Amino acid sequence: MTIYEPNVLRNFTLHSQGPREIELARLAGFQLSPHPEGFDLPTGTPLQPHALRFAAQLRDAARSGHAVLAGGHTAVWIAAVLSIPAAELPRLYYFETERTRDENGRFIFTPLRLCPINLL
């Protein structure tokens, strides 16, 4: 039996989400899971099997009413989303992120707000 939980935002990125991200999600009405569930694509690995497994995860999230935080391997995301009818996708979100550079030229990423991804 699937439990329908519309305020859950699952972390389909490749990294843990910190206190700032969790608070921004809370302000948007979501309980964000800090633990990553995203798929990476190891070097030399075919895309399709990973994309199909990820598509199954996306469908499972949609059936549970969960929204999904997007991030991770772009090709896996594109292939998975293109393999699913739009009506079977979960609600998708991303963090609008400010990018600045430190004194060594490295990027510092600061999430500003949670934003929906509206598919055409």
PDB file of N, CA and C in Angstrom:
ATOM      1  N   MET A   1       0.840  -1.181   0.000  1.00  0.00           N
ATOM      2  CA  MET A   1       0.000   0.000   0.000  1.00  0.00           C
ATOM      3  C   MET A   1       0.887   1.246   0.000  1.00  0.00           C
ATOM      4  N   THR A   2       0.654   2.141  -0.932  1.00  0.00           N
ATOM      5  CA  THR A   2       1.417   3.380  -1.037  1.00  0.00           C
ATOM      6  C   THR A   2       0.752   4.461  -0.193  1.00  0.00           C
ATOM      7  N   ILE A   3       1.549   5.107   0.635  1.00  0.00           N
ATOM      8  CA  ILE A   3       1.055   6.223   1.441  1.00  0.00           C
ATOM      9  C   ILE A   3       1.285   7.503   0.651  1.00  0.00           C
ATOM     10  N   TYR A   4       0.245   8.313   0.518  1.00  0.00           N
ATOM     11  CA  TYR A   4       0.314   9.555  -0.240  1.00  0.00           C
ATOM     12  C   TYR A   4       0.756  10.681   0.685  1.00  0.00           C
ATOM     13  N   GLU A   5       1.935  11.275   0.412  1.00  0.00           N
ATOM     14  CA  GLU A   5       2.517  12.311   1.263  1.00  0.00           C
ATOM     15  C   GLU A   5       2.895  13.535   0.411  1.00  0.00           C
ATOM     16  N   PRO A   6       1.950  14.466   0.219  1.00  0.00           N
ATOM     17  CA  PRO A   6       2.186  15.583  -0.704  1.00  0.00           C
ATOM     18  C   PRO A   6       3.192  16.624  -0.244  1.00  0.00           C
ATOM     19  N   ASN A   7       3.588  16.633   1.020  1.00  0.00           N
ATOM     20  CA  ASN A   7       4.521  17.659   1.493  1.00  0.00           C
ATOM     21  C   ASN A   7       5.956  17.168   1.587  1.00  0.00           C
ATOM     22  N   VAL A   8       6.212  15.964   1.107  1.00  0.00           N
ATOM     23  CA  VAL A   8       7.564  15.411   1.137  1.00  0.00           C
ATOM     24  C   VAL A   8       8.303  15.845  -0.126  1.00  0.00           C
ATOM     25  N   LEU A   9       9.518  16.347   0.057  1.00  0.00           N
ATOM     26  CA  LEU A   9      10.398  16.702  -1.054  1.00  0.00           C
ATOM     27  C   LEU A   9      11.603  15.770  -0.978  1.00  0.00           C
ATOM     28  N   ARG A  10      11.667  14.816  -1.895  1.00  0.00           N
ATOM     29  CA  ARG A  10      12.761  13.853  -1.892  1.00  0.00           C
ATOM     30  C   ARG A  10      13.975  14.439  -2.593  1.00  0.00           C
ATOM     31  N   ASN A  11      15.128  14.108  -2.086  1.00  0.00           N
ATOM     32  CA  ASN A  11      16.404  14.643  -2.561  1.00  0.00           C
ATOM     33  C   ASN A  11      16.974  13.734  -3.647  1.00  0.00           C
ATOM     34  N   PHE A  12      16.647  14.021  -4.899  1.00  0.00           N
ATOM     35  CA  PHE A  12      17.147  13.220  -6.019  1.00  0.00           C
ATOM     36  C   PHE A  12      18.419  13.844  -6.611  1.00  0.00           C
ATOM     37  N   THR A  13      19.234  14.445  -5.741  1.00  0.00           N
ATOM     38  CA  THR A  13      20.536  14.960  -6.147  1.00  0.00           C
ATOM     39  C   THR A  13      21.590  13.929  -5.768  1.00  0.00           C
ATOM     40  N   LEU A  14      22.858  14.294  -5.907  1.00  0.00           N
ATOM     41  CA  LEU A  14      23.958  13.397  -5.568  1.00  0.00           C
ATOM     42  C   LEU A  14      24.640  13.781  -4.258  1.00  0.00           C
ATOM     43  N   HIS A  15      24.088  14.760  -3.534  1.00  0.00           N
ATOM     44  CA  HIS A  15      24.728  15.185  -2.283  1.00  0.00           C
ATOM     45  C   HIS A  15      23.682  15.468  -1.206  1.00  0.00           C
ATOM     46  N   SER A  16      24.129  15.409   0.032  1.00  0.00           N
ATOM     47  CA  SER A  16      23.246  15.687   1.165  1.00  0.00           C
ATOM     48  C   SER A  16      22.850  17.159   1.157  1.00  0.00           C
ATOM     49  N   GLN A  17      21.663  17.426   1.650  1.00  0.00           N
ATOM     50  CA  GLN A  17      21.172  18.792   1.766  1.00  0.00           C
ATOM     51  C   GLN A  17      21.383  19.259   3.207  1.00  0.00           C
ATOM     52  N   GLY A  18      21.836  20.498   3.341  1.00  0.00           N
ATOM     53  CA  GLY A  18      22.163  21.040   4.655  1.00  0.00           C
ATOM     54  C   GLY A  18      21.016  21.811   5.285  1.00  0.00           C
ATOM     55  N   PRO A  19      21.290  22.401   6.436  1.00  0.00           N
ATOM     56  CA  PRO A  19      20.250  23.140   7.170  1.00  0.00           C
ATOM     57  C   PRO A  19      19.616  24.274   6.362  1.00  0.00           C
ATOM     58  N   ARG A  20      20.412  24.984   5.561  1.00  0.00           N
ATOM     59  CA  ARG A  20      19.841  26.086   4.768  1.00  0.00           C
ATOM     60  C   ARG A  20      18.815  25.561   3.756  1.00  0.00           C
ATOM     61  N   GLU A  21      19.162  24.502   3.046  1.00  0.00           N
ATOM     62  CA  GLU A  21      18.252  23.921   2.062  1.00  0.00           C
ATOM     63  C   GLU A  21      16.990  23.370   2.735  1.00  0.00           C
ATOM     64  N   ILE A  22      17.177  22.716   3.878  1.00  0.00           N
ATOM     65  CA  ILE A  22      16.030  22.166   4.600  1.00  0.00           C
ATOM     66  C   ILE A  22      15.088  23.286   5.038  1.00  0.00           C
ATOM     67  N   GLU A  23      15.641  24.405   5.500  1.00  0.00           N
ATOM     68  CA  GLU A  23      14.821  25.545   5.912  1.00  0.00           C
ATOM     69  C   GLU A  23      14.115  26.196   4.724  1.00  0.00           C
ATOM     70  N   LEU A  24      14.804  26.354   3.609  1.00  0.00           N
ATOM     71  CA  LEU A  24      14.171  26.934   2.416  1.00  0.00           C
ATOM     72  C   LEU A  24      13.015  26.051   1.943  1.00  0.00           C
ATOM     73  N   ALA A  25      13.209  24.743   1.989  1.00  0.00           N
ATOM     74  CA  ALA A  25      12.131  23.828   1.613  1.00  0.00           C
ATOM     75  C   ALA A  25      10.961  23.952   2.587  1.00  0.00           C
ATOM     76  N   ARG A  26      11.266  24.048   3.885  1.00  0.00           N
ATOM     77  CA  ARG A  26      10.209  24.194   4.892  1.00  0.00           C
ATOM     78  C   ARG A  26       9.389  25.460   4.633  1.00  0.00           C
ATOM     79  N   LEU A  27      10.074  26.560   4.292  1.00  0.00           N
ATOM     80  CA  LEU A  27       9.380  27.814   4.001  1.00  0.00           C
ATOM     81  C   LEU A  27       8.473  27.689   2.779  1.00  0.00           C
ATOM     82  N   ALA A  28       8.808  26.753   1.878  1.00  0.00           N
ATOM     83  CA  ALA A  28       7.984  26.509   0.693  1.00  0.00           C
ATOM     84  C   ALA A  28       6.916  25.442   0.958  1.00  0.00           C
ATOM     85  N   GLY A  29       6.852  24.937   2.203  1.00  0.00           N
ATOM     86  CA  GLY A  29       5.815  23.981   2.563  1.00  0.00           C
ATOM     87  C   GLY A  29       6.210  22.523   2.452  1.00  0.00           C
ATOM     88  N   PHE A  30       7.516  22.239   2.369  1.00  0.00           N
ATOM     89  CA  PHE A  30       7.982  20.859   2.184  1.00  0.00           C
ATOM     90  C   PHE A  30       8.864  20.390   3.330  1.00  0.00           C
ATOM     91  N   GLN A  31       8.836  19.098   3.533  1.00  0.00           N
ATOM     92  CA  GLN A  31       9.789  18.430   4.409  1.00  0.00           C
ATOM     93  C   GLN A  31      10.821  17.780   3.488  1.00  0.00           C
ATOM     94  N   LEU A  32      12.024  18.351   3.447  1.00  0.00           N
ATOM     95  CA  LEU A  32      13.091  17.887   2.549  1.00  0.00           C
ATOM     96  C   LEU A  32      13.898  16.790   3.217  1.00  0.00           C
ATOM     97  N   SER A  33      14.043  15.687   2.511  1.00  0.00           N
ATOM     98  CA  SER A  33      14.921  14.618   2.966  1.00  0.00           C
ATOM     99  C   SER A  33      16.359  15.029   2.669  1.00  0.00           C
ATOM    100  N   PRO A  34      17.241  15.056   3.673  1.00  0.00           N
ATOM    101  CA  PRO A  34      18.613  15.493   3.416  1.00  0.00           C
ATOM    102  C   PRO A  34      19.455  14.464   2.661  1.00  0.00           C
ATOM    103  N   HIS A  35      19.026  13.208   2.662  1.00  0.00           N
ATOM    104  CA  HIS A  35      19.843  12.132   2.098  1.00  0.00           C
ATOM    105  C   HIS A  35      19.655  12.011   0.586  1.00  0.00           C
ATOM    106  N   PRO A  36      20.758  11.939  -0.167  1.00  0.00           N
ATOM    107  CA  PRO A  36      20.662  11.883  -1.633  1.00  0.00           C
ATOM    108  C   PRO A  36      20.145  10.536  -2.143  1.00  0.00           C
ATOM    109  N   GLU A  37      19.284  10.620  -3.156  1.00  0.00           N
ATOM    110  CA  GLU A  37      18.765   9.429  -3.825  1.00  0.00           C
ATOM    111  C   GLU A  37      19.074   9.456  -5.321  1.00  0.00           C
ATOM    112  N   GLY A  38      19.902  10.394  -5.763  1.00  0.00           N
ATOM    113  CA  GLY A  38      20.169  10.558  -7.184  1.00  0.00           C
ATOM    114  C   GLY A  38      21.045   9.457  -7.752  1.00  0.00           C
ATOM    115  N   PHE A  39      21.074   9.396  -9.072  1.00  0.00           N
ATOM    116  CA  PHE A  39      21.885   8.422  -9.791  1.00  0.00           C
ATOM    117  C   PHE A  39      23.068   9.109 -10.436  1.00  0.00           C
ATOM    118  N   ASP A  40      24.228   8.550 -10.256  1.00  0.00           N
ATOM    119  CA  ASP A  40      25.405   8.988 -10.999  1.00  0.00           C
ATOM    120  C   ASP A  40      25.598   8.003 -12.140  1.00  0.00           C
ATOM    121  N   LEU A  41      26.432   8.345 -13.061  1.00  0.00           N
ATOM    122  CA  LEU A  41      26.723   7.476 -14.195  1.00  0.00           C
ATOM    123  C   LEU A  41      28.224   7.240 -14.214  1.00  0.00           C
ATOM    124  N   PRO A  42      28.668   6.092 -13.691  1.00  0.00           N
ATOM    125  CA  PRO A  42      30.101   5.818 -13.687  1.00  0.00           C
ATOM    126  C   PRO A  42      30.681   5.833 -15.101  1.00  0.00           C
ATOM    127  N   THR A  43      31.920   6.255 -15.221  1.00  0.00           N
ATOM    128  CA  THR A  43      32.593   6.320 -16.513  1.00  0.00           C
ATOM    129  C   THR A  43      32.510   4.973 -17.220  1.00  0.00           C
ATOM    130  N   GLY A  44      32.160   5.010 -18.493  1.00  0.00           N
ATOM    131  CA  GLY A  44      32.095   3.798 -19.296  1.00  0.00           C
ATOM    132  C   GLY A  44      30.826   2.985 -19.134  1.00  0.00           C
ATOM    133  N   THR A  45      29.873   3.502 -18.349  1.00  0.00           N
ATOM    134  CA  THR A  45      28.629   2.782 -18.104  1.00  0.00           C
ATOM    135  C   THR A  45      27.567   3.249 -19.092  1.00  0.00           C
ATOM    136  N   PRO A  46      26.781   2.321 -19.669  1.00  0.00           N
ATOM    137  CA  PRO A  46      25.701   2.745 -20.572  1.00  0.00           C
ATOM    138  C   PRO A  46      24.642   3.554 -19.826  1.00  0.00           C
ATOM    139  N   LEU A  47      24.133   4.549 -20.493  1.00  0.00           N
ATOM    140  CA  LEU A  47      23.148   5.456 -19.899  1.00  0.00           C
ATOM    141  C   LEU A  47      21.800   4.785 -19.655  1.00  0.00           C
ATOM    142  N   GLN A  48      21.305   4.043 -20.624  1.00  0.00           N
ATOM    143  CA  GLN A  48      19.917   3.581 -20.603  1.00  0.00           C
ATOM    144  C   GLN A  48      19.524   2.781 -19.356  1.00  0.00           C
ATOM    145  N   PRO A  49      20.314   1.799 -18.898  1.00  0.00           N
ATOM    146  CA  PRO A  49      19.882   1.056 -17.706  1.00  0.00           C
ATOM    147  C   PRO A  49      19.727   1.953 -16.472  1.00  0.00           C
ATOM    148  N   HIS A  50      20.624   2.909 -16.308  1.00  0.00           N
ATOM    149  CA  HIS A  50      20.526   3.838 -15.176  1.00  0.00           C
ATOM    150  C   HIS A  50      19.304   4.738 -15.329  1.00  0.00           C
ATOM    151  N   ALA A  51      19.062   5.215 -16.536  1.00  0.00           N
ATOM    152  CA  ALA A  51      17.914   6.087 -16.779  1.00  0.00           C
ATOM    153  C   ALA A  51      16.603   5.352 -16.518  1.00  0.00           C
ATOM    154  N   LEU A  52      16.529   4.083 -16.889  1.00  0.00           N
ATOM    155  CA  LEU A  52      15.304   3.317 -16.651  1.00  0.00           C
ATOM    156  C   LEU A  52      15.068   3.081 -15.164  1.00  0.00           C
ATOM    157  N   ARG A  53      16.127   2.807 -14.410  1.00  0.00           N
ATOM    158  CA  ARG A  53      15.985   2.643 -12.959  1.00  0.00           C
ATOM    159  C   ARG A  53      15.579   3.966 -12.309  1.00  0.00           C
ATOM    160  N   PHE A  54      16.168   5.057 -12.807  1.00  0.00           N
ATOM    161  CA  PHE A  54      15.826   6.373 -12.261  1.00  0.00           C
ATOM    162  C   PHE A  54      14.385   6.738 -12.613  1.00  0.00           C
ATOM    163  N   ALA A  55      13.939   6.390 -13.819  1.00  0.00           N
ATOM    164  CA  ALA A  55      12.546   6.637 -14.215  1.00  0.00           C
ATOM    165  C   ALA A  55      11.597   5.907 -13.267  1.00  0.00           C
ATOM    166  N   ALA A  56      11.952   4.694 -12.857  1.00  0.00           N
ATOM    167  CA  ALA A  56      11.124   3.950 -11.905  1.00  0.00           C
ATOM    168  C   ALA A  56      11.062   4.684 -10.564  1.00  0.00           C
ATOM    169  N   GLN A  57      12.178   5.260 -10.129  1.00  0.00           N
ATOM    170  CA  GLN A  57      12.193   6.055  -8.887  1.00  0.00           C
ATOM    171  C   GLN A  57      11.288   7.272  -9.004  1.00  0.00           C
ATOM    172  N   LEU A  58      11.335   7.934 -10.162  1.00  0.00           N
ATOM    173  CA  LEU A  58      10.484   9.103 -10.372  1.00  0.00           C
ATOM    174  C   LEU A  58       9.013   8.719 -10.329  1.00  0.00           C
ATOM    175  N   ARG A  59       8.655   7.613 -10.984  1.00  0.00           N
ATOM    176  CA  ARG A  59       7.261   7.157 -10.955  1.00  0.00           C
ATOM    177  C   ARG A  59       6.820   6.816  -9.534  1.00  0.00           C
ATOM    178  N   ASP A  60       7.697   6.174  -8.784  1.00  0.00           N
ATOM    179  CA  ASP A  60       7.388   5.825  -7.397  1.00  0.00           C
ATOM    180  C   ASP A  60       7.136   7.089  -6.572  1.00  0.00           C
ATOM    181  N   ALA A  61       7.965   8.099  -6.770  1.00  0.00           N
ATOM    182  CA  ALA A  61       7.768   9.365  -6.053  1.00  0.00           C
ATOM    183  C   ALA A  61       6.412   9.968  -6.406  1.00  0.00           C
ATOM    184  N   ALA A  62       6.064   9.960  -7.687  1.00  0.00           N
ATOM    185  CA  ALA A  62       4.783  10.521  -8.118  1.00  0.00           C
ATOM    186  C   ALA A  62       3.611   9.752  -7.508  1.00  0.00           C
ATOM    187  N   ARG A  63       3.686   8.427  -7.491  1.00  0.00           N
ATOM    188  CA  ARG A  63       2.607   7.621  -6.903  1.00  0.00           C
ATOM    189  C   ARG A  63       2.420   7.914  -5.416  1.00  0.00           C
ATOM    190  N   SER A  64       3.504   8.265  -4.742  1.00  0.00           N
ATOM    191  CA  SER A  64       3.440   8.573  -3.307  1.00  0.00           C
ATOM    192  C   SER A  64       3.045  10.018  -3.041  1.00  0.00           C
ATOM    193  N   GLY A  65       2.925  10.812  -4.099  1.00  0.00           N
ATOM    194  CA  GLY A  65       2.601  12.225  -3.936  1.00  0.00           C
ATOM    195  C   GLY A  65       3.799  13.080  -3.596  1.00  0.00           C
ATOM    196  N   HIS A  66       4.983  12.483  -3.614  1.00  0.00           N
ATOM    197  CA  HIS A  66       6.195  13.214  -3.260  1.00  0.00           C
ATOM    198  C   HIS A  66       6.622  14.141  -4.392  1.00  0.00           C
ATOM    199  N   ALA A  67       7.138  15.282  -4.018  1.00  0.00           N
ATOM    200  CA  ALA A  67       7.830  16.157  -4.962  1.00  0.00           C
ATOM    201  C   ALA A  67       9.299  15.743  -4.947  1.00  0.00           C
ATOM    202  N   VAL A  68      10.052  16.204  -5.943  1.00  0.00           N
ATOM    203  CA  VAL A  68      11.436  15.773  -6.105  1.00  0.00           C
ATOM    204  C   VAL A  68      12.334  16.982  -6.323  1.00  0.00           C
ATOM    205  N   LEU A  69      13.455  17.006  -5.595  1.00  0.00           N
ATOM    206  CA  LEU A  69      14.495  18.002  -5.808  1.00  0.00           C
ATOM    207  C   LEU A  69      15.427  17.480  -6.888  1.00  0.00           C
ATOM    208  N   ALA A  70      15.532  18.221  -7.989  1.00  0.00           N
ATOM    209  CA  ALA A  70      16.348  17.799  -9.127  1.00  0.00           C
ATOM    210  C   ALA A  70      17.806  18.176  -8.923  1.00  0.00           C
ATOM    211  N   GLY A  71      18.669  17.335  -9.406  1.00  0.00           N
ATOM    212  CA  GLY A  71      20.103  17.566  -9.368  1.00  0.00           C
ATOM    213  C   GLY A  71      20.802  16.269  -9.706  1.00  0.00           C
ATOM    214  N   GLY A  72      22.068  16.356  -9.945  1.00  0.00           N
ATOM    215  CA  GLY A  72      22.806  15.135 -10.250  1.00  0.00           C
ATOM    216  C   GLY A  72      23.239  15.080 -11.698  1.00  0.00           C
ATOM    217  N   HIS A  73      23.270  13.890 -12.236  1.00  0.00           N
ATOM    218  CA  HIS A  73      23.782  13.662 -13.582  1.00  0.00           C
ATOM    219  C   HIS A  73      22.738  14.083 -14.618  1.00  0.00           C
ATOM    220  N   THR A  74      23.037  15.102 -15.388  1.00  0.00           N
ATOM    221  CA  THR A  74      22.086  15.686 -16.332  1.00  0.00           C
ATOM    222  C   THR A  74      21.566  14.674 -17.347  1.00  0.00           C
ATOM    223  N   ALA A  75      22.442  13.864 -17.921  1.00  0.00           N
ATOM    224  CA  ALA A  75      22.011  12.911 -18.946  1.00  0.00           C
ATOM    225  C   ALA A  75      21.050  11.873 -18.379  1.00  0.00           C
ATOM    226  N   VAL A  76      21.295  11.407 -17.156  1.00  0.00           N
ATOM    227  CA  VAL A  76      20.392  10.438 -16.527  1.00  0.00           C
ATOM    228  C   VAL A  76      19.015  11.077 -16.342  1.00  0.00           C
ATOM    229  N   TRP A  77      18.988  12.320 -15.880  1.00  0.00           N
ATOM    230  CA  TRP A  77      17.723  13.034 -15.704  1.00  0.00           C
ATOM    231  C   TRP A  77      16.971  13.178 -17.019  1.00  0.00           C
ATOM    232  N   ILE A  78      17.659  13.657 -18.034  1.00  0.00           N
ATOM    233  CA  ILE A  78      16.992  13.894 -19.326  1.00  0.00           C
ATOM    234  C   ILE A  78      16.425  12.601 -19.875  1.00  0.00           C
ATOM    235  N   ALA A  79      17.231  11.551 -19.907  1.00  0.00           N
ATOM    236  CA  ALA A  79      16.766  10.273 -20.451  1.00  0.00           C
ATOM    237  C   ALA A  79      15.598   9.724 -19.635  1.00  0.00           C
ATOM    238  N   ALA A  80      15.661   9.836 -18.312  1.00  0.00           N
ATOM    239  CA  ALA A  80      14.574   9.322 -17.469  1.00  0.00           C
ATOM    240  C   ALA A  80      13.287  10.106 -17.690  1.00  0.00           C
ATOM    241  N   VAL A  81      13.369  11.429 -17.664  1.00  0.00           N
ATOM    242  CA  VAL A  81      12.173  12.260 -17.822  1.00  0.00           C
ATOM    243  C   VAL A  81      11.549  12.068 -19.203  1.00  0.00           C
ATOM    244  N   LEU A  82      12.368  11.935 -20.227  1.00  0.00           N
ATOM    245  CA  LEU A  82      11.832  11.738 -21.578  1.00  0.00           C
ATOM    246  C   LEU A  82      11.170  10.376 -21.755  1.00  0.00           C
ATOM    247  N   SER A  83      11.462   9.439 -20.867  1.00  0.00           N
ATOM    248  CA  SER A  83      10.880   8.099 -20.990  1.00  0.00           C
ATOM    249  C   SER A  83       9.547   7.962 -20.256  1.00  0.00           C
ATOM    250  N   ILE A  84       9.114   9.009 -19.573  1.00  0.00           N
ATOM    251  CA  ILE A  84       7.902   8.952 -18.749  1.00  0.00           C
ATOM    252  C   ILE A  84       6.865   9.943 -19.298  1.00  0.00           C
ATOM    253  N   PRO A  85       5.605   9.510 -19.445  1.00  0.00           N
ATOM    254  CA  PRO A  85       4.563  10.481 -19.803  1.00  0.00           C
ATOM    255  C   PRO A  85       4.477  11.569 -18.726  1.00  0.00           C
ATOM    256  N   ALA A  86       4.248  12.785 -19.134  1.00  0.00           N
ATOM    257  CA  ALA A  86       4.234  13.923 -18.212  1.00  0.00           C
ATOM    258  C   ALA A  86       3.279  13.702 -17.043  1.00  0.00           C
ATOM    259  N   ALA A  87       2.155  13.047 -17.278  1.00  0.00           N
ATOM    260  CA  ALA A  87       1.177  12.820 -16.216  1.00  0.00           C
ATOM    261  C   ALA A  87       1.695  11.881 -15.124  1.00  0.00           C
ATOM    262  N   GLU A  88       2.759  11.134 -15.415  1.00  0.00           N
ATOM    263  CA  GLU A  88       3.311  10.182 -14.450  1.00  0.00           C
ATOM    264  C   GLU A  88       4.537  10.726 -13.717  1.00  0.00           C
ATOM    265  N   LEU A  89       4.913  11.971 -14.003  1.00  0.00           N
ATOM    266  CA  LEU A  89       6.063  12.575 -13.333  1.00  0.00           C
ATOM    267  C   LEU A  89       5.660  13.191 -12.000  1.00  0.00           C
ATOM    268  N   PRO A  90       6.568  13.189 -11.027  1.00  0.00           N
ATOM    269  CA  PRO A  90       6.288  13.920  -9.792  1.00  0.00           C
ATOM    270  C   PRO A  90       6.457  15.420 -10.037  1.00  0.00           C
ATOM    271  N   ARG A  91       6.068  16.223  -9.067  1.00  0.00           N
ATOM    272  CA  ARG A  91       6.355  17.654  -9.132  1.00  0.00           C
ATOM    273  C   ARG A  91       7.868  17.808  -8.955  1.00  0.00           C
ATOM    274  N   LEU A  92       8.488  18.605  -9.813  1.00  0.00           N
ATOM    275  CA  LEU A  92       9.944  18.762  -9.824  1.00  0.00           C
ATOM    276  C   LEU A  92      10.320  20.163  -9.344  1.00  0.00           C
ATOM    277  N   TYR A  93      11.386  20.229  -8.541  1.00  0.00           N
ATOM    278  CA  TYR A  93      11.863  21.494  -7.985  1.00  0.00           C
ATOM    279  C   TYR A  93      13.381  21.574  -8.077  1.00  0.00           C
ATOM    280  N   TYR A  94      13.886  22.805  -8.003  1.00  0.00           N
ATOM    281  CA  TYR A  94      15.329  23.053  -7.919  1.00  0.00           C
ATOM    282  C   TYR A  94      15.541  24.250  -7.010  1.00  0.00           C
ATOM    283  N   PHE A  95      16.758  24.393  -6.523  1.00  0.00           N
ATOM    284  CA  PHE A  95      17.101  25.576  -5.749  1.00  0.00           C
ATOM    285  C   PHE A  95      17.701  26.624  -6.673  1.00  0.00           C
ATOM    286  N   GLU A  96      17.088  27.823  -6.686  1.00  0.00           N
ATOM    287  CA  GLU A  96      17.744  28.954  -7.338  1.00  0.00           C
ATOM    288  C   GLU A  96      18.975  29.249  -6.488  1.00  0.00           C
ATOM    289  N   THR A  97      20.125  29.334  -7.135  1.00  0.00           N
ATOM    290  CA  THR A  97      21.384  29.390  -6.402  1.00  0.00           C
ATOM    291  C   THR A  97      22.238  30.553  -6.874  1.00  0.00           C
ATOM    292  N   GLU A  98      22.700  31.346  -5.927  1.00  0.00           N
ATOM    293  CA  GLU A  98      23.648  32.419  -6.220  1.00  0.00           C
ATOM    294  C   GLU A  98      25.052  31.813  -6.280  1.00  0.00           C
ATOM    295  N   ARG A  99      25.813  32.209  -7.296  1.00  0.00           N
ATOM    296  CA  ARG A  99      27.177  31.716  -7.455  1.00  0.00           C
ATOM    297  C   ARG A  99      28.147  32.890  -7.360  1.00  0.00           C
ATOM    298  N   THR A 100      29.014  32.823  -6.374  1.00  0.00           N
ATOM    299  CA  THR A 100      30.064  33.821  -6.232  1.00  0.00           C
ATOM    300  C   THR A 100      31.393  33.075  -6.190  1.00  0.00           C
ATOM    301  N   ARG A 101      32.484  33.823  -6.287  1.00  0.00           N
ATOM    302  CA  ARG A 101      33.806  33.194  -6.237  1.00  0.00           C
ATOM    303  C   ARG A 101      34.545  33.628  -4.986  1.00  0.00           C
ATOM    304  N   ASP A 102      35.299  32.690  -4.419  1.00  0.00           N
ATOM    305  CA  ASP A 102      36.129  33.048  -3.269  1.00  0.00           C
ATOM    306  C   ASP A 102      37.442  33.655  -3.766  1.00  0.00           C
ATOM    307  N   GLU A 103      38.352  33.960  -2.838  1.00  0.00           N
ATOM    308  CA  GLU A 103      39.620  34.609  -3.201  1.00  0.00           C
ATOM    309  C   GLU A 103      40.506  33.740  -4.093  1.00  0.00           C
ATOM    310  N   ASN A 104      40.223  32.428  -4.163  1.00  0.00           N
ATOM    311  CA  ASN A 104      40.992  31.517  -5.024  1.00  0.00           C
ATOM    312  C   ASN A 104      40.282  31.214  -6.339  1.00  0.00           C
ATOM    313  N   GLY A 105      39.160  31.884  -6.589  1.00  0.00           N
ATOM    314  CA  GLY A 105      38.436  31.695  -7.837  1.00  0.00           C
ATOM    315  C   GLY A 105      37.467  30.521  -7.833  1.00  0.00           C
ATOM    316  N   ARG A 106      37.344  29.832  -6.703  1.00  0.00           N
ATOM    317  CA  ARG A 106      36.408  28.706  -6.627  1.00  0.00           C
ATOM    318  C   ARG A 106      34.998  29.225  -6.385  1.00  0.00           C
ATOM    319  N   PHE A 107      34.034  28.510  -6.945  1.00  0.00           N
ATOM    320  CA  PHE A 107      32.645  28.907  -6.767  1.00  0.00           C
ATOM    321  C   PHE A 107      32.155  28.600  -5.362  1.00  0.00           C
ATOM    322  N   ILE A 108      31.360  29.526  -4.853  1.00  0.00           N
ATOM    323  CA  ILE A 108      30.608  29.335  -3.618  1.00  0.00           C
ATOM    324  C   ILE A 108      29.143  29.369  -4.028  1.00  0.00           C
ATOM    325  N   PHE A 109      28.401  28.319  -3.693  1.00  0.00           N
ATOM    326  CA  PHE A 109      26.999  28.207  -4.080  1.00  0.00           C
ATOM    327  C   PHE A 109      26.120  28.478  -2.857  1.00  0.00           C
ATOM    328  N   THR A 110      25.212  29.440  -3.000  1.00  0.00           N
ATOM    329  CA  THR A 110      24.310  29.792  -1.904  1.00  0.00           C
ATOM    330  C   THR A 110      22.874  29.655  -2.399  1.00  0.00           C
ATOM    331  N   PRO A 111      22.143  28.645  -1.910  1.00  0.00           N
ATOM    332  CA  PRO A 111      20.748  28.514  -2.321  1.00  0.00           C
ATOM    333  C   PRO A 111      19.925  29.690  -1.806  1.00  0.00           C
ATOM    334  N   LEU A 112      19.053  30.204  -2.673  1.00  0.00           N
ATOM    335  CA  LEU A 112      18.236  31.364  -2.325  1.00  0.00           C
ATOM    336  C   LEU A 112      16.769  31.017  -2.089  1.00  0.00           C
ATOM    337  N   ARG A 113      16.230  30.133  -2.934  1.00  0.00           N
ATOM    338  CA  ARG A 113      14.810  29.762  -2.815  1.00  0.00           C
ATOM    339  C   ARG A 113      14.557  28.490  -3.615  1.00  0.00           C
ATOM    340  N   LEU A 114      13.492  27.819  -3.233  1.00  0.00           N
ATOM    341  CA  LEU A 114      13.052  26.614  -3.926  1.00  0.00           C
ATOM    342  C   LEU A 114      12.108  27.030  -5.038  1.00  0.00           C
ATOM    343  N   CYS A 115      12.329  26.519  -6.251  1.00  0.00           N
ATOM    344  CA  CYS A 115      11.544  26.902  -7.412  1.00  0.00           C
ATOM    345  C   CYS A 115      10.985  25.674  -8.124  1.00  0.00           C
ATOM    346  N   PRO A 116       9.756  25.753  -8.639  1.00  0.00           N
ATOM    347  CA  PRO A 116       9.211  24.635  -9.400  1.00  0.00           C
ATOM    348  C   PRO A 116       9.811  24.583 -10.797  1.00  0.00           C
ATOM    349  N   ILE A 117       9.896  23.400 -11.347  1.00  0.00           N
ATOM    350  CA  ILE A 117      10.264  23.206 -12.750  1.00  0.00           C
ATOM    351  C   ILE A 117       8.952  22.927 -13.472  1.00  0.00           C
ATOM    352  N   ASN A 118       8.494  23.866 -14.267  1.00  0.00           N
ATOM    353  CA  ASN A 118       7.251  23.711 -14.993  1.00  0.00           C
ATOM    354  C   ASN A 118       7.542  23.195 -16.388  1.00  0.00           C
ATOM    355  N   LEU A 119       7.172  21.950 -16.649  1.00  0.00           N
ATOM    356  CA  LEU A 119       7.417  21.352 -17.954  1.00  0.00           C
ATOM    357  C   LEU A 119       6.419  21.892 -18.955  1.00  0.00           C
ATOM    358  N   LEU A 120       6.870  22.081 -20.176  1.00  0.00           N
ATOM    359  CA  LEU A 120       5.982  22.618 -21.222  1.00  0.00           C
ATOM    360  C   LEU A 120       5.013  21.577 -21.703  1.00  0.00           C
TER     361      LEU A 120
END
